Amino acid sequence: MEKIAVTIDDLTVAYNYKPVLWDIDLKIPEGVLMAIVGPNGAGKSTLIKAVLDIINPIAGSVTIYDKPYTKQRHKVAYVPQKGSVDWDFPTTALDVVMMGTYGSLGWINRPGK
């Protein structure tokens, strides 16, 4: 039996009380590579933010391995898109990815390579 990594049931998300996504149902099996594609303004980022509990849906639910995101945060990585780049900021792609590990490391530990 295949494990379901992400389950979205009847999800509706609104901005200023105006629905931008409604009645979304989706199951993503474990190990599947998936792309969310569409034109600007179609709701791709909104869907991801709802899955990651960054924005609250007005209806529906999202679970990751049958638990709310808050209980599975350690199993999810997210690097948000940025509209512009500060080329003077001294960082590399590896630095940015490693920043995502700090939540599970605590205050004293440092990430390894």
PDB file of N, CA and C in Angstrom:
ATOM      1  N   MET A   1       0.841  -1.181   0.000  1.00  0.00           N
ATOM      2  CA  MET A   1       0.000   0.000   0.000  1.00  0.00           C
ATOM      3  C   MET A   1       0.891   1.251   0.000  1.00  0.00           C
ATOM      4  N   GLU A   2       0.616   2.189  -0.900  1.00  0.00           N
ATOM      5  CA  GLU A   2       1.458   3.380  -0.989  1.00  0.00           C
ATOM      6  C   GLU A   2       1.144   4.365   0.135  1.00  0.00           C
ATOM      7  N   LYS A   3       2.207   4.997   0.643  1.00  0.00           N
ATOM      8  CA  LYS A   3       2.048   6.017   1.667  1.00  0.00           C
ATOM      9  C   LYS A   3       1.719   7.340   0.989  1.00  0.00           C
ATOM     10  N   ILE A   4       0.810   8.075   1.590  1.00  0.00           N
ATOM     11  CA  ILE A   4       0.457   9.398   1.079  1.00  0.00           C
ATOM     12  C   ILE A   4       1.228  10.433   1.898  1.00  0.00           C
ATOM     13  N   ALA A   5       2.058  11.212   1.222  1.00  0.00           N
ATOM     14  CA  ALA A   5       2.881  12.215   1.898  1.00  0.00           C
ATOM     15  C   ALA A   5       2.071  13.470   2.227  1.00  0.00           C
ATOM     16  N   VAL A   6       1.306  13.961   1.267  1.00  0.00           N
ATOM     17  CA  VAL A   6       0.526  15.189   1.456  1.00  0.00           C
ATOM     18  C   VAL A   6      -0.912  14.924   1.047  1.00  0.00           C
ATOM     19  N   THR A   7      -1.833  15.320   1.920  1.00  0.00           N
ATOM     20  CA  THR A   7      -3.258  15.216   1.616  1.00  0.00           C
ATOM     21  C   THR A   7      -3.885  16.591   1.780  1.00  0.00           C
ATOM     22  N   ILE A   8      -4.566  17.044   0.745  1.00  0.00           N
ATOM     23  CA  ILE A   8      -5.298  18.309   0.786  1.00  0.00           C
ATOM     24  C   ILE A   8      -6.765  17.962   0.572  1.00  0.00           C
ATOM     25  N   ASP A   9      -7.615  18.346   1.537  1.00  0.00           N
ATOM     26  CA  ASP A   9      -9.045  18.037   1.464  1.00  0.00           C
ATOM     27  C   ASP A   9      -9.870  19.308   1.472  1.00  0.00           C
ATOM     28  N   ASP A  10     -10.581  19.553   0.377  1.00  0.00           N
ATOM     29  CA  ASP A  10     -11.566  20.632   0.281  1.00  0.00           C
ATOM     30  C   ASP A  10     -10.993  21.987   0.713  1.00  0.00           C
ATOM     31  N   LEU A  11      -9.776  22.291   0.280  1.00  0.00           N
ATOM     32  CA  LEU A  11      -9.072  23.501   0.695  1.00  0.00           C
ATOM     33  C   LEU A  11      -9.601  24.733  -0.032  1.00  0.00           C
ATOM     34  N   THR A  12      -9.923  25.766   0.734  1.00  0.00           N
ATOM     35  CA  THR A  12     -10.299  27.064   0.180  1.00  0.00           C
ATOM     36  C   THR A  12      -9.470  28.128   0.886  1.00  0.00           C
ATOM     37  N   VAL A  13      -8.823  28.980   0.101  1.00  0.00           N
ATOM     38  CA  VAL A  13      -7.986  30.057   0.633  1.00  0.00           C
ATOM     39  C   VAL A  13      -8.502  31.369   0.068  1.00  0.00           C
ATOM     40  N   ALA A  14      -8.559  32.397   0.925  1.00  0.00           N
ATOM     41  CA  ALA A  14      -9.061  33.699   0.492  1.00  0.00           C
ATOM     42  C   ALA A  14      -8.111  34.802   0.937  1.00  0.00           C
ATOM     43  N   TYR A  15      -8.074  35.852   0.156  1.00  0.00           N
ATOM     44  CA  TYR A  15      -7.407  37.090   0.536  1.00  0.00           C
ATOM     45  C   TYR A  15      -8.484  38.155   0.626  1.00  0.00           C
ATOM     46  N   ASN A  16      -8.534  38.855   1.765  1.00  0.00           N
ATOM     47  CA  ASN A  16      -9.565  39.879   1.977  1.00  0.00           C
ATOM     48  C   ASN A  16     -10.964  39.332   1.696  1.00  0.00           C
ATOM     49  N   TYR A  17     -11.222  38.138   2.183  1.00  0.00           N
ATOM     50  CA  TYR A  17     -12.524  37.457   2.071  1.00  0.00           C
ATOM     51  C   TYR A  17     -12.905  37.083   0.642  1.00  0.00           C
ATOM     52  N   LYS A  18     -11.982  37.216  -0.298  1.00  0.00           N
ATOM     53  CA  LYS A  18     -12.250  36.819  -1.679  1.00  0.00           C
ATOM     54  C   LYS A  18     -11.494  35.521  -1.953  1.00  0.00           C
ATOM     55  N   PRO A  19     -12.205  34.414  -2.213  1.00  0.00           N
ATOM     56  CA  PRO A  19     -11.523  33.142  -2.471  1.00  0.00           C
ATOM     57  C   PRO A  19     -10.617  33.225  -3.705  1.00  0.00           C
ATOM     58  N   VAL A  20      -9.402  32.716  -3.536  1.00  0.00           N
ATOM     59  CA  VAL A  20      -8.460  32.649  -4.654  1.00  0.00           C
ATOM     60  C   VAL A  20      -8.184  31.200  -5.044  1.00  0.00           C
ATOM     61  N   LEU A  21      -8.379  30.287  -4.110  1.00  0.00           N
ATOM     62  CA  LEU A  21      -8.354  28.841  -4.364  1.00  0.00           C
ATOM     63  C   LEU A  21      -9.583  28.271  -3.666  1.00  0.00           C
ATOM     64  N   TRP A  22     -10.276  27.371  -4.326  1.00  0.00           N
ATOM     65  CA  TRP A  22     -11.443  26.808  -3.657  1.00  0.00           C
ATOM     66  C   TRP A  22     -11.631  25.341  -4.019  1.00  0.00           C
ATOM     67  N   ASP A  23     -12.062  24.604  -3.000  1.00  0.00           N
ATOM     68  CA  ASP A  23     -12.399  23.178  -3.142  1.00  0.00           C
ATOM     69  C   ASP A  23     -11.253  22.347  -3.732  1.00  0.00           C
ATOM     70  N   ILE A  24     -10.037  22.585  -3.277  1.00  0.00           N
ATOM     71  CA  ILE A  24      -8.880  21.835  -3.773  1.00  0.00           C
ATOM     72  C   ILE A  24      -8.788  20.496  -3.040  1.00  0.00           C
ATOM     73  N   ASP A  25      -8.707  19.418  -3.794  1.00  0.00           N
ATOM     74  CA  ASP A  25      -8.485  18.075  -3.263  1.00  0.00           C
ATOM     75  C   ASP A  25      -7.269  17.498  -3.974  1.00  0.00           C
ATOM     76  N   LEU A  26      -6.321  16.977  -3.199  1.00  0.00           N
ATOM     77  CA  LEU A  26      -5.091  16.459  -3.790  1.00  0.00           C
ATOM     78  C   LEU A  26      -4.440  15.475  -2.835  1.00  0.00           C
ATOM     79  N   LYS A  27      -3.926  14.402  -3.382  1.00  0.00           N
ATOM     80  CA  LYS A  27      -3.122  13.448  -2.614  1.00  0.00           C
ATOM     81  C   LYS A  27      -1.808  13.262  -3.366  1.00  0.00           C
ATOM     82  N   ILE A  28      -0.705  13.422  -2.651  1.00  0.00           N
ATOM     83  CA  ILE A  28       0.623  13.259  -3.242  1.00  0.00           C
ATOM     84  C   ILE A  28       1.290  12.065  -2.567  1.00  0.00           C
ATOM     85  N   PRO A  29       1.507  10.984  -3.309  1.00  0.00           N
ATOM     86  CA  PRO A  29       2.158   9.810  -2.724  1.00  0.00           C
ATOM     87  C   PRO A  29       3.622  10.087  -2.377  1.00  0.00           C
ATOM     88  N   GLU A  30       4.115   9.361  -1.406  1.00  0.00           N
ATOM     89  CA  GLU A  30       5.514   9.457  -1.004  1.00  0.00           C
ATOM     90  C   GLU A  30       6.423   9.107  -2.180  1.00  0.00           C
ATOM     91  N   GLY A  31       7.501   9.880  -2.347  1.00  0.00           N
ATOM     92  CA  GLY A  31       8.492   9.590  -3.371  1.00  0.00           C
ATOM     93  C   GLY A  31       8.177  10.123  -4.753  1.00  0.00           C
ATOM     94  N   VAL A  32       7.051  10.790  -4.905  1.00  0.00           N
ATOM     95  CA  VAL A  32       6.647  11.313  -6.212  1.00  0.00           C
ATOM     96  C   VAL A  32       7.220  12.717  -6.394  1.00  0.00           C
ATOM     97  N   LEU A  33       7.759  12.988  -7.573  1.00  0.00           N
ATOM     98  CA  LEU A  33       8.164  14.345  -7.924  1.00  0.00           C
ATOM     99  C   LEU A  33       6.972  15.011  -8.587  1.00  0.00           C
ATOM    100  N   MET A  34       6.635  16.207  -8.130  1.00  0.00           N
ATOM    101  CA  MET A  34       5.460  16.884  -8.646  1.00  0.00           C
ATOM    102  C   MET A  34       5.797  18.339  -8.923  1.00  0.00           C
ATOM    103  N   ALA A  35       5.214  18.886  -9.959  1.00  0.00           N
ATOM    104  CA  ALA A  35       5.389  20.299 -10.284  1.00  0.00           C
ATOM    105  C   ALA A  35       4.036  20.985 -10.219  1.00  0.00           C
ATOM    106  N   ILE A  36       4.044  22.211  -9.735  1.00  0.00           N
ATOM    107  CA  ILE A  36       2.846  23.045  -9.745  1.00  0.00           C
ATOM    108  C   ILE A  36       3.116  24.122 -10.779  1.00  0.00           C
ATOM    109  N   VAL A  37       2.387  24.096 -11.875  1.00  0.00           N
ATOM    110  CA  VAL A  37       2.625  25.037 -12.966  1.00  0.00           C
ATOM    111  C   VAL A  37       1.363  25.830 -13.259  1.00  0.00           C
ATOM    112  N   GLY A  38       1.552  27.025 -13.785  1.00  0.00           N
ATOM    113  CA  GLY A  38       0.429  27.865 -14.160  1.00  0.00           C
ATOM    114  C   GLY A  38       0.900  29.288 -14.358  1.00  0.00           C
ATOM    115  N   PRO A  39       0.035  30.124 -14.901  1.00  0.00           N
ATOM    116  CA  PRO A  39       0.408  31.516 -15.152  1.00  0.00           C
ATOM    117  C   PRO A  39       0.520  32.309 -13.850  1.00  0.00           C
ATOM    118  N   ASN A  40       1.127  33.479 -13.942  1.00  0.00           N
ATOM    119  CA  ASN A  40       1.204  34.375 -12.787  1.00  0.00           C
ATOM    120  C   ASN A  40      -0.196  34.634 -12.253  1.00  0.00           C
ATOM    121  N   GLY A  41      -0.324  34.598 -10.934  1.00  0.00           N
ATOM    122  CA  GLY A  41      -1.609  34.880 -10.313  1.00  0.00           C
ATOM    123  C   GLY A  41      -2.563  33.707 -10.254  1.00  0.00           C
ATOM    124  N   ALA A  42      -2.121  32.533 -10.659  1.00  0.00           N
ATOM    125  CA  ALA A  42      -3.008  31.364 -10.672  1.00  0.00           C
ATOM    126  C   ALA A  42      -3.179  30.735  -9.293  1.00  0.00           C
ATOM    127  N   GLY A  43      -2.296  31.058  -8.337  1.00  0.00           N
ATOM    128  CA  GLY A  43      -2.429  30.524  -6.988  1.00  0.00           C
ATOM    129  C   GLY A  43      -1.391  29.492  -6.596  1.00  0.00           C
ATOM    130  N   LYS A  44      -0.334  29.364  -7.385  1.00  0.00           N
ATOM    131  CA  LYS A  44       0.705  28.360  -7.082  1.00  0.00           C
ATOM    132  C   LYS A  44       1.360  28.638  -5.730  1.00  0.00           C
ATOM    133  N   SER A  45       1.819  29.852  -5.521  1.00  0.00           N
ATOM    134  CA  SER A  45       2.465  30.204  -4.253  1.00  0.00           C
ATOM    135  C   SER A  45       1.471  30.166  -3.102  1.00  0.00           C
ATOM    136  N   THR A  46       0.251  30.564  -3.352  1.00  0.00           N
ATOM    137  CA  THR A  46      -0.785  30.518  -2.320  1.00  0.00           C
ATOM    138  C   THR A  46      -1.032  29.090  -1.868  1.00  0.00           C
ATOM    139  N   LEU A  47      -1.072  28.158  -2.799  1.00  0.00           N
ATOM    140  CA  LEU A  47      -1.260  26.750  -2.449  1.00  0.00           C
ATOM    141  C   LEU A  47      -0.111  26.261  -1.575  1.00  0.00           C
ATOM    142  N   ILE A  48       1.111  26.566  -1.954  1.00  0.00           N
ATOM    143  CA  ILE A  48       2.268  26.131  -1.167  1.00  0.00           C
ATOM    144  C   ILE A  48       2.236  26.760   0.221  1.00  0.00           C
ATOM    145  N   LYS A  49       1.902  28.039   0.307  1.00  0.00           N
ATOM    146  CA  LYS A  49       1.832  28.707   1.612  1.00  0.00           C
ATOM    147  C   LYS A  49       0.744  28.105   2.493  1.00  0.00           C
ATOM    148  N   ALA A  50      -0.356  27.692   1.906  1.00  0.00           N
ATOM    149  CA  ALA A  50      -1.416  27.042   2.688  1.00  0.00           C
ATOM    150  C   ALA A  50      -0.961  25.674   3.186  1.00  0.00           C
ATOM    151  N   VAL A  51      -0.268  24.923   2.338  1.00  0.00           N
ATOM    152  CA  VAL A  51       0.254  23.609   2.745  1.00  0.00           C
ATOM    153  C   VAL A  51       1.238  23.771   3.900  1.00  0.00           C
ATOM    154  N   LEU A  52       2.057  24.820   3.862  1.00  0.00           N
ATOM    155  CA  LEU A  52       3.086  25.047   4.876  1.00  0.00           C
ATOM    156  C   LEU A  52       2.581  25.831   6.080  1.00  0.00           C
ATOM    157  N   ASP A  53       1.274  26.087   6.141  1.00  0.00           N
ATOM    158  CA  ASP A  53       0.662  26.790   7.266  1.00  0.00           C
ATOM    159  C   ASP A  53       1.193  28.216   7.418  1.00  0.00           C
ATOM    160  N   ILE A  54       1.642  28.807   6.310  1.00  0.00           N
ATOM    161  CA  ILE A  54       2.081  30.204   6.322  1.00  0.00           C
ATOM    162  C   ILE A  54       0.861  31.116   6.247  1.00  0.00           C
ATOM    163  N   ILE A  55      -0.150  30.681   5.505  1.00  0.00           N
ATOM    164  CA  ILE A  55      -1.436  31.374   5.482  1.00  0.00           C
ATOM    165  C   ILE A  55      -2.511  30.369   5.875  1.00  0.00           C
ATOM    166  N   ASN A  56      -3.565  30.863   6.502  1.00  0.00           N
ATOM    167  CA  ASN A  56      -4.630  29.988   6.977  1.00  0.00           C
ATOM    168  C   ASN A  56      -5.742  29.883   5.950  1.00  0.00           C
ATOM    169  N   PRO A  57      -6.131  28.674   5.608  1.00  0.00           N
ATOM    170  CA  PRO A  57      -7.279  28.511   4.713  1.00  0.00           C
ATOM    171  C   PRO A  57      -8.567  28.863   5.448  1.00  0.00           C
ATOM    172  N   ILE A  58      -9.593  29.252   4.697  1.00  0.00           N
ATOM    173  CA  ILE A  58     -10.890  29.515   5.327  1.00  0.00           C
ATOM    174  C   ILE A  58     -11.705  28.234   5.436  1.00  0.00           C
ATOM    175  N   ALA A  59     -11.297  27.205   4.710  1.00  0.00           N
ATOM    176  CA  ALA A  59     -11.967  25.903   4.801  1.00  0.00           C
ATOM    177  C   ALA A  59     -10.996  24.823   4.364  1.00  0.00           C
ATOM    178  N   GLY A  60     -11.282  23.601   4.782  1.00  0.00           N
ATOM    179  CA  GLY A  60     -10.489  22.461   4.361  1.00  0.00           C
ATOM    180  C   GLY A  60      -9.324  22.176   5.286  1.00  0.00           C
ATOM    181  N   SER A  61      -8.545  21.175   4.898  1.00  0.00           N
ATOM    182  CA  SER A  61      -7.418  20.774   5.736  1.00  0.00           C
ATOM    183  C   SER A  61      -6.259  20.281   4.882  1.00  0.00           C
ATOM    184  N   VAL A  62      -5.075  20.358   5.473  1.00  0.00           N
ATOM    185  CA  VAL A  62      -3.852  19.850   4.855  1.00  0.00           C
ATOM    186  C   VAL A  62      -3.151  18.988   5.894  1.00  0.00           C
ATOM    187  N   THR A  63      -2.765  17.785   5.493  1.00  0.00           N
ATOM    188  CA  THR A  63      -1.976  16.944   6.388  1.00  0.00           C
ATOM    189  C   THR A  63      -0.742  16.444   5.648  1.00  0.00           C
ATOM    190  N   ILE A  64       0.307  16.243   6.412  1.00  0.00           N
ATOM    191  CA  ILE A  64       1.550  15.680   5.899  1.00  0.00           C
ATOM    192  C   ILE A  64       1.786  14.394   6.680  1.00  0.00           C
ATOM    193  N   TYR A  65       1.785  13.289   5.972  1.00  0.00           N
ATOM    194  CA  TYR A  65       1.845  11.970   6.604  1.00  0.00           C
ATOM    195  C   TYR A  65       0.789  11.858   7.707  1.00  0.00           C
ATOM    196  N   ASP A  66      -0.435  12.266   7.369  1.00  0.00           N
ATOM    197  CA  ASP A  66      -1.615  12.152   8.239  1.00  0.00           C
ATOM    198  C   ASP A  66      -1.561  12.992   9.505  1.00  0.00           C
ATOM    199  N   LYS A  67      -0.677  13.987   9.554  1.00  0.00           N
ATOM    200  CA  LYS A  67      -0.603  14.880  10.707  1.00  0.00           C
ATOM    201  C   LYS A  67      -0.550  16.320  10.211  1.00  0.00           C
ATOM    202  N   PRO A  68      -0.968  17.276  11.046  1.00  0.00           N
ATOM    203  CA  PRO A  68      -0.869  18.683  10.647  1.00  0.00           C
ATOM    204  C   PRO A  68       0.586  19.087  10.416  1.00  0.00           C
ATOM    205  N   TYR A  69       0.787  20.091   9.587  1.00  0.00           N
ATOM    206  CA  TYR A  69       2.139  20.569   9.270  1.00  0.00           C
ATOM    207  C   TYR A  69       2.932  20.895  10.534  1.00  0.00           C
ATOM    208  N   THR A  70       2.270  21.471  11.534  1.00  0.00           N
ATOM    209  CA  THR A  70       2.985  21.858  12.751  1.00  0.00           C
ATOM    210  C   THR A  70       3.648  20.665  13.431  1.00  0.00           C
ATOM    211  N   LYS A  71       3.113  19.466  13.223  1.00  0.00           N
ATOM    212  CA  LYS A  71       3.702  18.254  13.806  1.00  0.00           C
ATOM    213  C   LYS A  71       4.732  17.611  12.874  1.00  0.00           C
ATOM    214  N   GLN A  72       4.787  18.050  11.621  1.00  0.00           N
ATOM    215  CA  GLN A  72       5.678  17.441  10.631  1.00  0.00           C
ATOM    216  C   GLN A  72       6.687  18.431  10.061  1.00  0.00           C
ATOM    217  N   ARG A  73       6.793  19.583  10.666  1.00  0.00           N
ATOM    218  CA  ARG A  73       7.662  20.659  10.172  1.00  0.00           C
ATOM    219  C   ARG A  73       9.081  20.173   9.885  1.00  0.00           C
ATOM    220  N   HIS A  74       9.579  19.255  10.676  1.00  0.00           N
ATOM    221  CA  HIS A  74      10.948  18.750  10.522  1.00  0.00           C
ATOM    222  C   HIS A  74      11.134  17.906   9.262  1.00  0.00           C
ATOM    223  N   LYS A  75      10.045  17.530   8.591  1.00  0.00           N
ATOM    224  CA  LYS A  75      10.137  16.703   7.385  1.00  0.00           C
ATOM    225  C   LYS A  75      10.004  17.514   6.099  1.00  0.00           C
ATOM    226  N   VAL A  76       9.860  18.834   6.228  1.00  0.00           N
ATOM    227  CA  VAL A  76       9.576  19.675   5.060  1.00  0.00           C
ATOM    228  C   VAL A  76      10.635  20.762   4.931  1.00  0.00           C
ATOM    229  N   ALA A  77      11.105  20.985   3.703  1.00  0.00           N
ATOM    230  CA  ALA A  77      12.021  22.089   3.416  1.00  0.00           C
ATOM    231  C   ALA A  77      11.323  23.061   2.474  1.00  0.00           C
ATOM    232  N   TYR A  78      11.561  24.346   2.672  1.00  0.00           N
ATOM    233  CA  TYR A  78      10.917  25.365   1.845  1.00  0.00           C
ATOM    234  C   TYR A  78      11.893  26.515   1.647  1.00  0.00           C
ATOM    235  N   VAL A  79      12.169  26.842   0.398  1.00  0.00           N
ATOM    236  CA  VAL A  79      12.979  28.005   0.051  1.00  0.00           C
ATOM    237  C   VAL A  79      12.085  28.901  -0.795  1.00  0.00           C
ATOM    238  N   PRO A  80      11.600  30.010  -0.225  1.00  0.00           N
ATOM    239  CA  PRO A  80      10.662  30.857  -0.964  1.00  0.00           C
ATOM    240  C   PRO A  80      11.330  31.581  -2.122  1.00  0.00           C
ATOM    241  N   GLN A  81      10.506  31.930  -3.108  1.00  0.00           N
ATOM    242  CA  GLN A  81      11.028  32.695  -4.234  1.00  0.00           C
ATOM    243  C   GLN A  81      11.207  34.143  -3.813  1.00  0.00           C
ATOM    244  N   LYS A  82      12.082  34.814  -4.479  1.00  0.00           N
ATOM    245  CA  LYS A  82      12.353  36.220  -4.206  1.00  0.00           C
ATOM    246  C   LYS A  82      12.300  36.963  -5.531  1.00  0.00           C
ATOM    247  N   GLY A  83      11.622  38.098  -5.541  1.00  0.00           N
ATOM    248  CA  GLY A  83      11.460  38.861  -6.764  1.00  0.00           C
ATOM    249  C   GLY A  83      12.727  39.547  -7.234  1.00  0.00           C
ATOM    250  N   SER A  84      13.618  39.854  -6.292  1.00  0.00           N
ATOM    251  CA  SER A  84      14.871  40.508  -6.669  1.00  0.00           C
ATOM    252  C   SER A  84      16.005  39.899  -5.852  1.00  0.00           C
ATOM    253  N   VAL A  85      17.207  40.112  -6.306  1.00  0.00           N
ATOM    254  CA  VAL A  85      18.386  39.556  -5.652  1.00  0.00           C
ATOM    255  C   VAL A  85      19.313  40.695  -5.257  1.00  0.00           C
ATOM    256  N   ASP A  86      19.783  40.659  -4.023  1.00  0.00           N
ATOM    257  CA  ASP A  86      20.791  41.617  -3.572  1.00  0.00           C
ATOM    258  C   ASP A  86      22.153  40.994  -3.850  1.00  0.00           C
ATOM    259  N   TRP A  87      22.753  41.345  -4.970  1.00  0.00           N
ATOM    260  CA  TRP A  87      24.010  40.737  -5.393  1.00  0.00           C
ATOM    261  C   TRP A  87      25.172  41.080  -4.472  1.00  0.00           C
ATOM    262  N   ASP A  88      25.007  42.078  -3.598  1.00  0.00           N
ATOM    263  CA  ASP A  88      26.059  42.443  -2.651  1.00  0.00           C
ATOM    264  C   ASP A  88      25.992  41.622  -1.363  1.00  0.00           C
ATOM    265  N   PHE A  89      24.918  40.867  -1.174  1.00  0.00           N
ATOM    266  CA  PHE A  89      24.776  40.042   0.027  1.00  0.00           C
ATOM    267  C   PHE A  89      25.673  38.820  -0.113  1.00  0.00           C
ATOM    268  N   PRO A  90      26.634  38.649   0.798  1.00  0.00           N
ATOM    269  CA  PRO A  90      27.632  37.576   0.628  1.00  0.00           C
ATOM    270  C   PRO A  90      27.110  36.200   1.059  1.00  0.00           C
ATOM    271  N   THR A  91      26.479  35.486   0.156  1.00  0.00           N
ATOM    272  CA  THR A  91      25.982  34.146   0.466  1.00  0.00           C
ATOM    273  C   THR A  91      26.014  33.280  -0.785  1.00  0.00           C
ATOM    274  N   THR A  92      25.955  32.002  -0.578  1.00  0.00           N
ATOM    275  CA  THR A  92      25.900  31.053  -1.691  1.00  0.00           C
ATOM    276  C   THR A  92      24.604  30.266  -1.594  1.00  0.00           C
ATOM    277  N   ALA A  93      24.290  29.511  -2.626  1.00  0.00           N
ATOM    278  CA  ALA A  93      23.097  28.661  -2.597  1.00  0.00           C
ATOM    279  C   ALA A  93      23.194  27.657  -1.450  1.00  0.00           C
ATOM    280  N   LEU A  94      24.384  27.118  -1.209  1.00  0.00           N
ATOM    281  CA  LEU A  94      24.570  26.175  -0.103  1.00  0.00           C
ATOM    282  C   LEU A  94      24.268  26.848   1.235  1.00  0.00           C
ATOM    283  N   ASP A  95      24.707  28.101   1.403  1.00  0.00           N
ATOM    284  CA  ASP A  95      24.421  28.828   2.645  1.00  0.00           C
ATOM    285  C   ASP A  95      22.916  28.935   2.875  1.00  0.00           C
ATOM    286  N   VAL A  96      22.180  29.264   1.839  1.00  0.00           N
ATOM    287  CA  VAL A  96      20.733  29.418   1.960  1.00  0.00           C
ATOM    288  C   VAL A  96      20.080  28.090   2.322  1.00  0.00           C
ATOM    289  N   VAL A  97      20.486  27.019   1.674  1.00  0.00           N
ATOM    290  CA  VAL A  97      19.925  25.702   1.980  1.00  0.00           C
ATOM    291  C   VAL A  97      20.270  25.298   3.409  1.00  0.00           C
ATOM    292  N   MET A  98      21.483  25.545   3.834  1.00  0.00           N
ATOM    293  CA  MET A  98      21.892  25.186   5.195  1.00  0.00           C
ATOM    294  C   MET A  98      21.111  25.977   6.243  1.00  0.00           C
ATOM    295  N   MET A  99      20.692  27.198   5.915  1.00  0.00           N
ATOM    296  CA  MET A  99      19.874  27.975   6.843  1.00  0.00           C
ATOM    297  C   MET A  99      18.593  27.227   7.196  1.00  0.00           C
ATOM    298  N   GLY A 100      18.102  26.436   6.280  1.00  0.00           N
ATOM    299  CA  GLY A 100      16.890  25.671   6.520  1.00  0.00           C
ATOM    300  C   GLY A 100      17.057  24.571   7.545  1.00  0.00           C
ATOM    301  N   THR A 101      18.287  24.236   7.902  1.00  0.00           N
ATOM    302  CA  THR A 101      18.520  23.175   8.888  1.00  0.00           C
ATOM    303  C   THR A 101      18.546  23.699  10.314  1.00  0.00           C
ATOM    304  N   TYR A 102      18.621  25.004  10.500  1.00  0.00           N
ATOM    305  CA  TYR A 102      18.772  25.548  11.843  1.00  0.00           C
ATOM    306  C   TYR A 102      17.590  25.230  12.753  1.00  0.00           C
ATOM    307  N   GLY A 103      16.396  25.133  12.214  1.00  0.00           N
ATOM    308  CA  GLY A 103      15.226  24.826  13.033  1.00  0.00           C
ATOM    309  C   GLY A 103      15.322  23.492  13.737  1.00  0.00           C
ATOM    310  N   SER A 104      15.998  22.536  13.146  1.00  0.00           N
ATOM    311  CA  SER A 104      16.118  21.213  13.765  1.00  0.00           C
ATOM    312  C   SER A 104      17.416  21.040  14.547  1.00  0.00           C
ATOM    313  N   LEU A 105      18.333  21.995  14.439  1.00  0.00           N
ATOM    314  CA  LEU A 105      19.627  21.865  15.111  1.00  0.00           C
ATOM    315  C   LEU A 105      19.645  22.424  16.528  1.00  0.00           C
ATOM    316  N   GLY A 106      18.819  23.398  16.813  1.00  0.00           N
ATOM    317  CA  GLY A 106      18.876  24.058  18.109  1.00  0.00           C
ATOM    318  C   GLY A 106      19.895  25.187  18.088  1.00  0.00           C
ATOM    319  N   TRP A 107      20.122  25.787  19.244  1.00  0.00           N
ATOM    320  CA  TRP A 107      20.958  26.985  19.328  1.00  0.00           C
ATOM    321  C   TRP A 107      22.453  26.695  19.290  1.00  0.00           C
ATOM    322  N   ILE A 108      22.873  25.561  19.778  1.00  0.00           N
ATOM    323  CA  ILE A 108      24.303  25.305  19.942  1.00  0.00           C
ATOM    324  C   ILE A 108      24.919  24.572  18.757  1.00  0.00           C
ATOM    325  N   ASN A 109      24.214  23.640  18.189  1.00  0.00           N
ATOM    326  CA  ASN A 109      24.762  22.812  17.111  1.00  0.00           C
ATOM    327  C   ASN A 109      24.940  23.593  15.823  1.00  0.00           C
ATOM    328  N   ARG A 110      25.898  23.158  15.025  1.00  0.00           N
ATOM    329  CA  ARG A 110      26.158  23.780  13.727  1.00  0.00           C
ATOM    330  C   ARG A 110      25.930  22.742  12.639  1.00  0.00           C
ATOM    331  N   PRO A 111      25.463  23.176  11.480  1.00  0.00           N
ATOM    332  CA  PRO A 111      25.245  22.204  10.399  1.00  0.00           C
ATOM    333  C   PRO A 111      26.566  21.656   9.881  1.00  0.00           C
ATOM    334  N   GLY A 112      26.557  20.401   9.463  1.00  0.00           N
ATOM    335  CA  GLY A 112      27.737  19.790   8.860  1.00  0.00           C
ATOM    336  C   GLY A 112      27.581  19.745   7.360  1.00  0.00           C
ATOM    337  N   LYS A 113      28.608  19.298   6.685  1.00  0.00           N
ATOM    338  CA  LYS A 113      28.545  19.211   5.225  1.00  0.00           C
ATOM    339  C   LYS A 113      28.219  17.815   4.803  1.00  0.00           C
TER     340      LYS A 113
END
